[in-house]
Amino acid sequence: MTEADVKQLIITIVAPLVADSEAIRIETKRDTRFLNFNLTVAKDDVGRVIGKHGRIAQALRTLVYSVRLDDKSLRARLNIVDD
């Protein structure tokens, strides 16, 4: 999968969970081992994305981490940014 495919996957999963889908932002940063996808949503929607006891966030991270990128040396990782 490409970086754009993973972004679209995250948006497709997160959009129905939040009240303000227009506020979804995904920023990517590369480091030596990971391609980090930093997800930002509206302040009121952070709890909806994290879920009770972090279950939704953990499920999202599991899905994203299981994705194999075209660049075999990198793994995908999801970070939920809470401003």
PDB file of N, CA and C in Angstrom:
ATOM      1  N   MET A   1       0.836  -1.188   0.000  1.00  0.00           N
ATOM      2  CA  MET A   1       0.000   0.000   0.000  1.00  0.00           C
ATOM      3  C   MET A   1       0.876   1.244   0.000  1.00  0.00           C
ATOM      4  N   THR A   2       0.351   2.276  -0.574  1.00  0.00           N
ATOM      5  CA  THR A   2       1.068   3.540  -0.586  1.00  0.00           C
ATOM      6  C   THR A   2       0.652   4.381   0.616  1.00  0.00           C
ATOM      7  N   GLU A   3       1.377   5.458   0.821  1.00  0.00           N
ATOM      8  CA  GLU A   3       1.067   6.381   1.920  1.00  0.00           C
ATOM      9  C   GLU A   3      -0.341   6.954   1.763  1.00  0.00           C
ATOM     10  N   ALA A   4      -0.725   7.292   0.552  1.00  0.00           N
ATOM     11  CA  ALA A   4      -2.061   7.838   0.288  1.00  0.00           C
ATOM     12  C   ALA A   4      -3.147   6.808   0.589  1.00  0.00           C
ATOM     13  N   ASP A   5      -2.886   5.533   0.291  1.00  0.00           N
ATOM     14  CA  ASP A   5      -3.857   4.474   0.582  1.00  0.00           C
ATOM     15  C   ASP A   5      -4.093   4.338   2.083  1.00  0.00           C
ATOM     16  N   VAL A   6      -3.027   4.424   2.854  1.00  0.00           N
ATOM     17  CA  VAL A   6      -3.148   4.294   4.310  1.00  0.00           C
ATOM     18  C   VAL A   6      -3.899   5.496   4.877  1.00  0.00           C
ATOM     19  N   LYS A   7      -3.618   6.686   4.372  1.00  0.00           N
ATOM     20  CA  LYS A   7      -4.356   7.878   4.806  1.00  0.00           C
ATOM     21  C   LYS A   7      -5.845   7.713   4.534  1.00  0.00           C
ATOM     22  N   GLN A   8      -6.177   7.233   3.346  1.00  0.00           N
ATOM     23  CA  GLN A   8      -7.583   7.044   2.990  1.00  0.00           C
ATOM     24  C   GLN A   8      -8.236   5.985   3.875  1.00  0.00           C
ATOM     25  N   LEU A   9      -7.510   4.927   4.197  1.00  0.00           N
ATOM     26  CA  LEU A   9      -8.020   3.894   5.102  1.00  0.00           C
ATOM     27  C   LEU A   9      -8.359   4.489   6.461  1.00  0.00           C
ATOM     28  N   ILE A  10      -7.461   5.298   7.004  1.00  0.00           N
ATOM     29  CA  ILE A  10      -7.688   5.914   8.316  1.00  0.00           C
ATOM     30  C   ILE A  10      -8.894   6.839   8.266  1.00  0.00           C
ATOM     31  N   ILE A  11      -8.987   7.657   7.237  1.00  0.00           N
ATOM     32  CA  ILE A  11     -10.117   8.586   7.104  1.00  0.00           C
ATOM     33  C   ILE A  11     -11.428   7.818   6.972  1.00  0.00           C
ATOM     34  N   THR A  12     -11.426   6.740   6.208  1.00  0.00           N
ATOM     35  CA  THR A  12     -12.637   5.942   6.007  1.00  0.00           C
ATOM     36  C   THR A  12     -13.129   5.344   7.321  1.00  0.00           C
ATOM     37  N   ILE A  13     -12.213   4.939   8.176  1.00  0.00           N
ATOM     38  CA  ILE A  13     -12.599   4.345   9.453  1.00  0.00           C
ATOM     39  C   ILE A  13     -13.008   5.411  10.460  1.00  0.00           C
ATOM     40  N   VAL A  14     -12.289   6.532  10.504  1.00  0.00           N
ATOM     41  CA  VAL A  14     -12.509   7.545  11.538  1.00  0.00           C
ATOM     42  C   VAL A  14     -13.715   8.439  11.239  1.00  0.00           C
ATOM     43  N   ALA A  15     -13.986   8.735   9.985  1.00  0.00           N
ATOM     44  CA  ALA A  15     -15.051   9.681   9.621  1.00  0.00           C
ATOM     45  C   ALA A  15     -16.417   9.342  10.234  1.00  0.00           C
ATOM     46  N   PRO A  16     -16.863   8.084  10.217  1.00  0.00           N
ATOM     47  CA  PRO A  16     -18.168   7.802  10.829  1.00  0.00           C
ATOM     48  C   PRO A  16     -18.170   7.912  12.359  1.00  0.00           C
ATOM     49  N   LEU A  17     -17.010   7.893  12.967  1.00  0.00           N
ATOM     50  CA  LEU A  17     -16.917   7.952  14.425  1.00  0.00           C
ATOM     51  C   LEU A  17     -17.057   9.363  14.976  1.00  0.00           C
ATOM     52  N   VAL A  18     -16.691  10.360  14.188  1.00  0.00           N
ATOM     53  CA  VAL A  18     -16.628  11.731  14.684  1.00  0.00           C
ATOM     54  C   VAL A  18     -17.821  12.555  14.218  1.00  0.00           C
ATOM     55  N   ALA A  19     -18.104  13.624  14.963  1.00  0.00           N
ATOM     56  CA  ALA A  19     -19.202  14.518  14.599  1.00  0.00           C
ATOM     57  C   ALA A  19     -18.764  15.501  13.515  1.00  0.00           C
ATOM     58  N   ASP A  20     -17.499  15.938  13.559  1.00  0.00           N
ATOM     59  CA  ASP A  20     -16.983  16.917  12.603  1.00  0.00           C
ATOM     60  C   ASP A  20     -15.935  16.248  11.722  1.00  0.00           C
ATOM     61  N   SER A  21     -16.380  15.601  10.648  1.00  0.00           N
ATOM     62  CA  SER A  21     -15.447  14.885   9.775  1.00  0.00           C
ATOM     63  C   SER A  21     -14.560  15.826   8.962  1.00  0.00           C
ATOM     64  N   GLU A  22     -14.938  17.095   8.864  1.00  0.00           N
ATOM     65  CA  GLU A  22     -14.123  18.073   8.144  1.00  0.00           C
ATOM     66  C   GLU A  22     -12.849  18.417   8.917  1.00  0.00           C
ATOM     67  N   ALA A  23     -12.825  18.156  10.214  1.00  0.00           N
ATOM     68  CA  ALA A  23     -11.674  18.511  11.050  1.00  0.00           C
ATOM     69  C   ALA A  23     -10.611  17.418  11.092  1.00  0.00           C
ATOM     70  N   ILE A  24     -10.820  16.318  10.382  1.00  0.00           N
ATOM     71  CA  ILE A  24      -9.839  15.223  10.380  1.00  0.00           C
ATOM     72  C   ILE A  24      -8.608  15.650   9.588  1.00  0.00           C
ATOM     73  N   ARG A  25      -7.453  15.566  10.225  1.00  0.00           N
ATOM     74  CA  ARG A  25      -6.182  15.887   9.579  1.00  0.00           C
ATOM     75  C   ARG A  25      -5.202  14.754   9.850  1.00  0.00           C
ATOM     76  N   ILE A  26      -4.435  14.383   8.836  1.00  0.00           N
ATOM     77  CA  ILE A  26      -3.414  13.348   8.987  1.00  0.00           C
ATOM     78  C   ILE A  26      -2.104  13.897   8.449  1.00  0.00           C
ATOM     79  N   GLU A  27      -1.122  13.932   9.310  1.00  0.00           N
ATOM     80  CA  GLU A  27       0.217  14.383   8.944  1.00  0.00           C
ATOM     81  C   GLU A  27       1.141  13.171   9.024  1.00  0.00           C
ATOM     82  N   THR A  28       2.051  13.050   8.078  1.00  0.00           N
ATOM     83  CA  THR A  28       2.974  11.914   8.101  1.00  0.00           C
ATOM     84  C   THR A  28       4.391  12.390   8.376  1.00  0.00           C
ATOM     85  N   LYS A  29       5.098  11.572   9.136  1.00  0.00           N
ATOM     86  CA  LYS A  29       6.513  11.828   9.422  1.00  0.00           C
ATOM     87  C   LYS A  29       7.253  10.506   9.326  1.00  0.00           C
ATOM     88  N   ARG A  30       8.390  10.547   8.681  1.00  0.00           N
ATOM     89  CA  ARG A  30       9.229   9.352   8.543  1.00  0.00           C
ATOM     90  C   ARG A  30      10.350   9.399   9.570  1.00  0.00           C
ATOM     91  N   ASP A  31      10.647   8.235  10.133  1.00  0.00           N
ATOM     92  CA  ASP A  31      11.874   8.094  10.901  1.00  0.00           C
ATOM     93  C   ASP A  31      12.568   6.833  10.403  1.00  0.00           C
ATOM     94  N   THR A  32      13.504   6.316  11.138  1.00  0.00           N
ATOM     95  CA  THR A  32      14.308   5.211  10.610  1.00  0.00           C
ATOM     96  C   THR A  32      13.516   3.930  10.416  1.00  0.00           C
ATOM     97  N   ARG A  33      12.538   3.653  11.281  1.00  0.00           N
ATOM     98  CA  ARG A  33      11.802   2.399  11.203  1.00  0.00           C
ATOM     99  C   ARG A  33      10.331   2.538  10.848  1.00  0.00           C
ATOM    100  N   PHE A  34       9.760   3.720  11.057  1.00  0.00           N
ATOM    101  CA  PHE A  34       8.313   3.877  10.925  1.00  0.00           C
ATOM    102  C   PHE A  34       7.931   5.037  10.027  1.00  0.00           C
ATOM    103  N   LEU A  35       6.768   4.899   9.412  1.00  0.00           N
ATOM    104  CA  LEU A  35       6.075   5.996   8.777  1.00  0.00           C
ATOM    105  C   LEU A  35       4.933   6.323   9.720  1.00  0.00           C
ATOM    106  N   ASN A  36       5.053   7.418  10.451  1.00  0.00           N
ATOM    107  CA  ASN A  36       4.091   7.797  11.475  1.00  0.00           C
ATOM    108  C   ASN A  36       2.951   8.595  10.865  1.00  0.00           C
ATOM    109  N   PHE A  37       1.736   8.158  11.120  1.00  0.00           N
ATOM    110  CA  PHE A  37       0.544   8.882  10.705  1.00  0.00           C
ATOM    111  C   PHE A  37      -0.021   9.541  11.954  1.00  0.00           C
ATOM    112  N   ASN A  38       0.072  10.865  12.025  1.00  0.00           N
ATOM    113  CA  ASN A  38      -0.407  11.619  13.181  1.00  0.00           C
ATOM    114  C   ASN A  38      -1.816  12.116  12.881  1.00  0.00           C
ATOM    115  N   LEU A  39      -2.787  11.546  13.577  1.00  0.00           N
ATOM    116  CA  LEU A  39      -4.201  11.848  13.358  1.00  0.00           C
ATOM    117  C   LEU A  39      -4.649  12.939  14.316  1.00  0.00           C
ATOM    118  N   THR A  40      -5.247  13.981  13.766  1.00  0.00           N
ATOM    119  CA  THR A  40      -5.808  15.062  14.561  1.00  0.00           C
ATOM    120  C   THR A  40      -7.281  15.192  14.207  1.00  0.00           C
ATOM    121  N   VAL A  41      -8.122  15.241  15.230  1.00  0.00           N
ATOM    122  CA  VAL A  41      -9.561  15.449  15.040  1.00  0.00           C
ATOM    123  C   VAL A  41      -9.980  16.632  15.901  1.00  0.00           C
ATOM    124  N   ALA A  42     -11.240  17.045  15.773  1.00  0.00           N
ATOM    125  CA  ALA A  42     -11.758  18.140  16.587  1.00  0.00           C
ATOM    126  C   ALA A  42     -11.659  17.768  18.071  1.00  0.00           C
ATOM    127  N   LYS A  43     -11.491  18.772  18.893  1.00  0.00           N
ATOM    128  CA  LYS A  43     -11.294  18.547  20.333  1.00  0.00           C
ATOM    129  C   LYS A  43     -12.433  17.728  20.948  1.00  0.00           C
ATOM    130  N   ASP A  44     -13.658  17.978  20.520  1.00  0.00           N
ATOM    131  CA  ASP A  44     -14.816  17.253  21.058  1.00  0.00           C
ATOM    132  C   ASP A  44     -14.867  15.799  20.595  1.00  0.00           C
ATOM    133  N   ASP A  45     -14.137  15.465  19.537  1.00  0.00           N
ATOM    134  CA  ASP A  45     -14.194  14.120  18.966  1.00  0.00           C
ATOM    135  C   ASP A  45     -13.058  13.204  19.413  1.00  0.00           C
ATOM    136  N   VAL A  46     -12.110  13.712  20.161  1.00  0.00           N
ATOM    137  CA  VAL A  46     -10.961  12.905  20.573  1.00  0.00           C
ATOM    138  C   VAL A  46     -11.417  11.686  21.369  1.00  0.00           C
ATOM    139  N   GLY A  47     -12.342  11.877  22.284  1.00  0.00           N
ATOM    140  CA  GLY A  47     -12.853  10.763  23.090  1.00  0.00           C
ATOM    141  C   GLY A  47     -13.547   9.705  22.255  1.00  0.00           C
ATOM    142  N   ARG A  48     -14.206  10.118  21.196  1.00  0.00           N
ATOM    143  CA  ARG A  48     -14.885   9.157  20.319  1.00  0.00           C
ATOM    144  C   ARG A  48     -13.887   8.294  19.557  1.00  0.00           C
ATOM    145  N   VAL A  49     -12.759   8.882  19.195  1.00  0.00           N
ATOM    146  CA  VAL A  49     -11.736   8.140  18.452  1.00  0.00           C
ATOM    147  C   VAL A  49     -10.968   7.215  19.395  1.00  0.00           C
ATOM    148  N   ILE A  50     -10.750   7.647  20.627  1.00  0.00           N
ATOM    149  CA  ILE A  50     -10.033   6.816  21.591  1.00  0.00           C
ATOM    150  C   ILE A  50     -10.933   5.695  22.107  1.00  0.00           C
ATOM    151  N   GLY A  51     -12.179   6.001  22.429  1.00  0.00           N
ATOM    152  CA  GLY A  51     -13.124   4.993  22.891  1.00  0.00           C
ATOM    153  C   GLY A  51     -12.941   4.643  24.355  1.00  0.00           C
ATOM    154  N   LYS A  52     -13.860   3.841  24.856  1.00  0.00           N
ATOM    155  CA  LYS A  52     -13.791   3.420  26.259  1.00  0.00           C
ATOM    156  C   LYS A  52     -12.559   2.553  26.474  1.00  0.00           C
ATOM    157  N   HIS A  53     -11.779   2.953  27.452  1.00  0.00           N
ATOM    158  CA  HIS A  53     -10.550   2.236  27.805  1.00  0.00           C
ATOM    159  C   HIS A  53      -9.583   2.122  26.628  1.00  0.00           C
ATOM    160  N   GLY A  54      -9.707   3.007  25.644  1.00  0.00           N
ATOM    161  CA  GLY A  54      -8.783   3.025  24.508  1.00  0.00           C
ATOM    162  C   GLY A  54      -8.986   1.900  23.509  1.00  0.00           C
ATOM    163  N   ARG A  55     -10.136   1.268  23.545  1.00  0.00           N
ATOM    164  CA  ARG A  55     -10.365   0.108  22.675  1.00  0.00           C
ATOM    165  C   ARG A  55     -10.418   0.465  21.197  1.00  0.00           C
ATOM    166  N   ILE A  56     -11.077   1.558  20.857  1.00  0.00           N
ATOM    167  CA  ILE A  56     -11.159   1.955  19.445  1.00  0.00           C
ATOM    168  C   ILE A  56      -9.777   2.363  18.943  1.00  0.00           C
ATOM    169  N   ALA A  57      -9.048   3.127  19.748  1.00  0.00           N
ATOM    170  CA  ALA A  57      -7.704   3.551  19.356  1.00  0.00           C
ATOM    171  C   ALA A  57      -6.799   2.340  19.151  1.00  0.00           C
ATOM    172  N   GLN A  58      -6.894   1.364  20.026  1.00  0.00           N
ATOM    173  CA  GLN A  58      -6.054   0.172  19.898  1.00  0.00           C
ATOM    174  C   GLN A  58      -6.421  -0.615  18.635  1.00  0.00           C
ATOM    175  N   ALA A  59      -7.704  -0.711  18.328  1.00  0.00           N
ATOM    176  CA  ALA A  59      -8.130  -1.408  17.117  1.00  0.00           C
ATOM    177  C   ALA A  59      -7.623  -0.679  15.862  1.00  0.00           C
ATOM    178  N   LEU A  60      -7.702   0.655  15.862  1.00  0.00           N
ATOM    179  CA  LEU A  60      -7.185   1.442  14.738  1.00  0.00           C
ATOM    180  C   LEU A  60      -5.687   1.228  14.575  1.00  0.00           C
ATOM    181  N   ARG A  61      -4.972   1.262  15.688  1.00  0.00           N
ATOM    182  CA  ARG A  61      -3.515   1.067  15.621  1.00  0.00           C
ATOM    183  C   ARG A  61      -3.173  -0.328  15.109  1.00  0.00           C
ATOM    184  N   THR A  62      -3.933  -1.317  15.525  1.00  0.00           N
ATOM    185  CA  THR A  62      -3.686  -2.686  15.058  1.00  0.00           C
ATOM    186  C   THR A  62      -3.867  -2.784  13.550  1.00  0.00           C
ATOM    187  N   LEU A  63      -4.933  -2.184  13.030  1.00  0.00           N
ATOM    188  CA  LEU A  63      -5.164  -2.202  11.589  1.00  0.00           C
ATOM    189  C   LEU A  63      -4.052  -1.489  10.822  1.00  0.00           C
ATOM    190  N   VAL A  64      -3.680  -0.310  11.287  1.00  0.00           N
ATOM    191  CA  VAL A  64      -2.659   0.464  10.587  1.00  0.00           C
ATOM    192  C   VAL A  64      -1.303  -0.227  10.682  1.00  0.00           C
ATOM    193  N   TYR A  65      -0.976  -0.776  11.843  1.00  0.00           N
ATOM    194  CA  TYR A  65       0.319  -1.425  12.012  1.00  0.00           C
ATOM    195  C   TYR A  65       0.447  -2.684  11.154  1.00  0.00           C
ATOM    196  N   SER A  66      -0.685  -3.311  10.831  1.00  0.00           N
ATOM    197  CA  SER A  66      -0.653  -4.530  10.025  1.00  0.00           C
ATOM    198  C   SER A  66      -0.477  -4.265   8.529  1.00  0.00           C
ATOM    199  N   VAL A  67      -0.603  -3.007   8.123  1.00  0.00           N
ATOM    200  CA  VAL A  67      -0.468  -2.641   6.711  1.00  0.00           C
ATOM    201  C   VAL A  67       0.990  -2.777   6.285  1.00  0.00           C
ATOM    202  N   ARG A  68       1.192  -3.356   5.124  1.00  0.00           N
ATOM    203  CA  ARG A  68       2.528  -3.452   4.547  1.00  0.00           C
ATOM    204  C   ARG A  68       2.669  -2.377   3.489  1.00  0.00           C
ATOM    205  N   LEU A  69       3.622  -1.503   3.711  1.00  0.00           N
ATOM    206  CA  LEU A  69       3.862  -0.396   2.788  1.00  0.00           C
ATOM    207  C   LEU A  69       4.685  -0.859   1.600  1.00  0.00           C
ATOM    208  N   ASP A  70       4.648  -0.079   0.523  1.00  0.00           N
ATOM    209  CA  ASP A  70       5.455  -0.381  -0.652  1.00  0.00           C
ATOM    210  C   ASP A  70       6.944  -0.343  -0.313  1.00  0.00           C
ATOM    211  N   ASP A  71       7.326   0.569   0.591  1.00  0.00           N
ATOM    212  CA  ASP A  71       8.701   0.635   1.071  1.00  0.00           C
ATOM    213  C   ASP A  71       8.834  -0.399   2.195  1.00  0.00           C
ATOM    214  N   LYS A  72       9.395  -1.546   1.885  1.00  0.00           N
ATOM    215  CA  LYS A  72       9.438  -2.683   2.811  1.00  0.00           C
ATOM    216  C   LYS A  72      10.234  -2.405   4.081  1.00  0.00           C
ATOM    217  N   SER A  73      11.086  -1.384   4.077  1.00  0.00           N
ATOM    218  CA  SER A  73      11.905  -1.108   5.250  1.00  0.00           C
ATOM    219  C   SER A  73      11.147  -0.338   6.330  1.00  0.00           C
ATOM    220  N   LEU A  74       9.962   0.197   6.007  1.00  0.00           N
ATOM    221  CA  LEU A  74       9.187   0.979   6.962  1.00  0.00           C
ATOM    222  C   LEU A  74       7.913   0.258   7.370  1.00  0.00           C
ATOM    223  N   ARG A  75       7.476   0.519   8.600  1.00  0.00           N
ATOM    224  CA  ARG A  75       6.182   0.037   9.085  1.00  0.00           C
ATOM    225  C   ARG A  75       5.308   1.249   9.352  1.00  0.00           C
ATOM    226  N   ALA A  76       4.030   1.064   9.225  1.00  0.00           N
ATOM    227  CA  ALA A  76       3.085   2.169   9.477  1.00  0.00           C
ATOM    228  C   ALA A  76       2.731   2.178  10.957  1.00  0.00           C
ATOM    229  N   ARG A  77       2.602   3.395  11.513  1.00  0.00           N
ATOM    230  CA  ARG A  77       2.225   3.544  12.916  1.00  0.00           C
ATOM    231  C   ARG A  77       1.268   4.720  13.025  1.00  0.00           C
ATOM    232  N   LEU A  78       0.205   4.563  13.822  1.00  0.00           N
ATOM    233  CA  LEU A  78      -0.798   5.610  14.019  1.00  0.00           C
ATOM    234  C   LEU A  78      -0.631   6.249  15.386  1.00  0.00           C
ATOM    235  N   ASN A  79      -0.580   7.572  15.398  1.00  0.00           N
ATOM    236  CA  ASN A  79      -0.544   8.355  16.639  1.00  0.00           C
ATOM    237  C   ASN A  79      -1.755   9.269  16.637  1.00  0.00           C
ATOM    238  N   ILE A  80      -2.486   9.279  17.731  1.00  0.00           N
ATOM    239  CA  ILE A  80      -3.630  10.177  17.859  1.00  0.00           C
ATOM    240  C   ILE A  80      -3.146  11.402  18.640  1.00  0.00           C
ATOM    241  N   VAL A  81      -3.170  12.555  17.979  1.00  0.00           N
ATOM    242  CA  VAL A  81      -2.653  13.784  18.568  1.00  0.00           C
ATOM    243  C   VAL A  81      -3.786  14.485  19.306  1.00  0.00           C
ATOM    244  N   ASP A  82      -3.567  14.744  20.579  1.00  0.00           N
ATOM    245  CA  ASP A  82      -4.556  15.420  21.416  1.00  0.00           C
ATOM    246  C   ASP A  82      -3.997  16.785  21.787  1.00  0.00           C
ATOM    247  N   ASP A  83      -4.505  17.829  21.120  1.00  0.00           N
ATOM    248  CA  ASP A  83      -4.004  19.191  21.397  1.00  0.00           C
ATOM    249  C   ASP A  83      -4.686  19.795  22.592  1.00  0.00           C
TER     250      ASP A  83
END
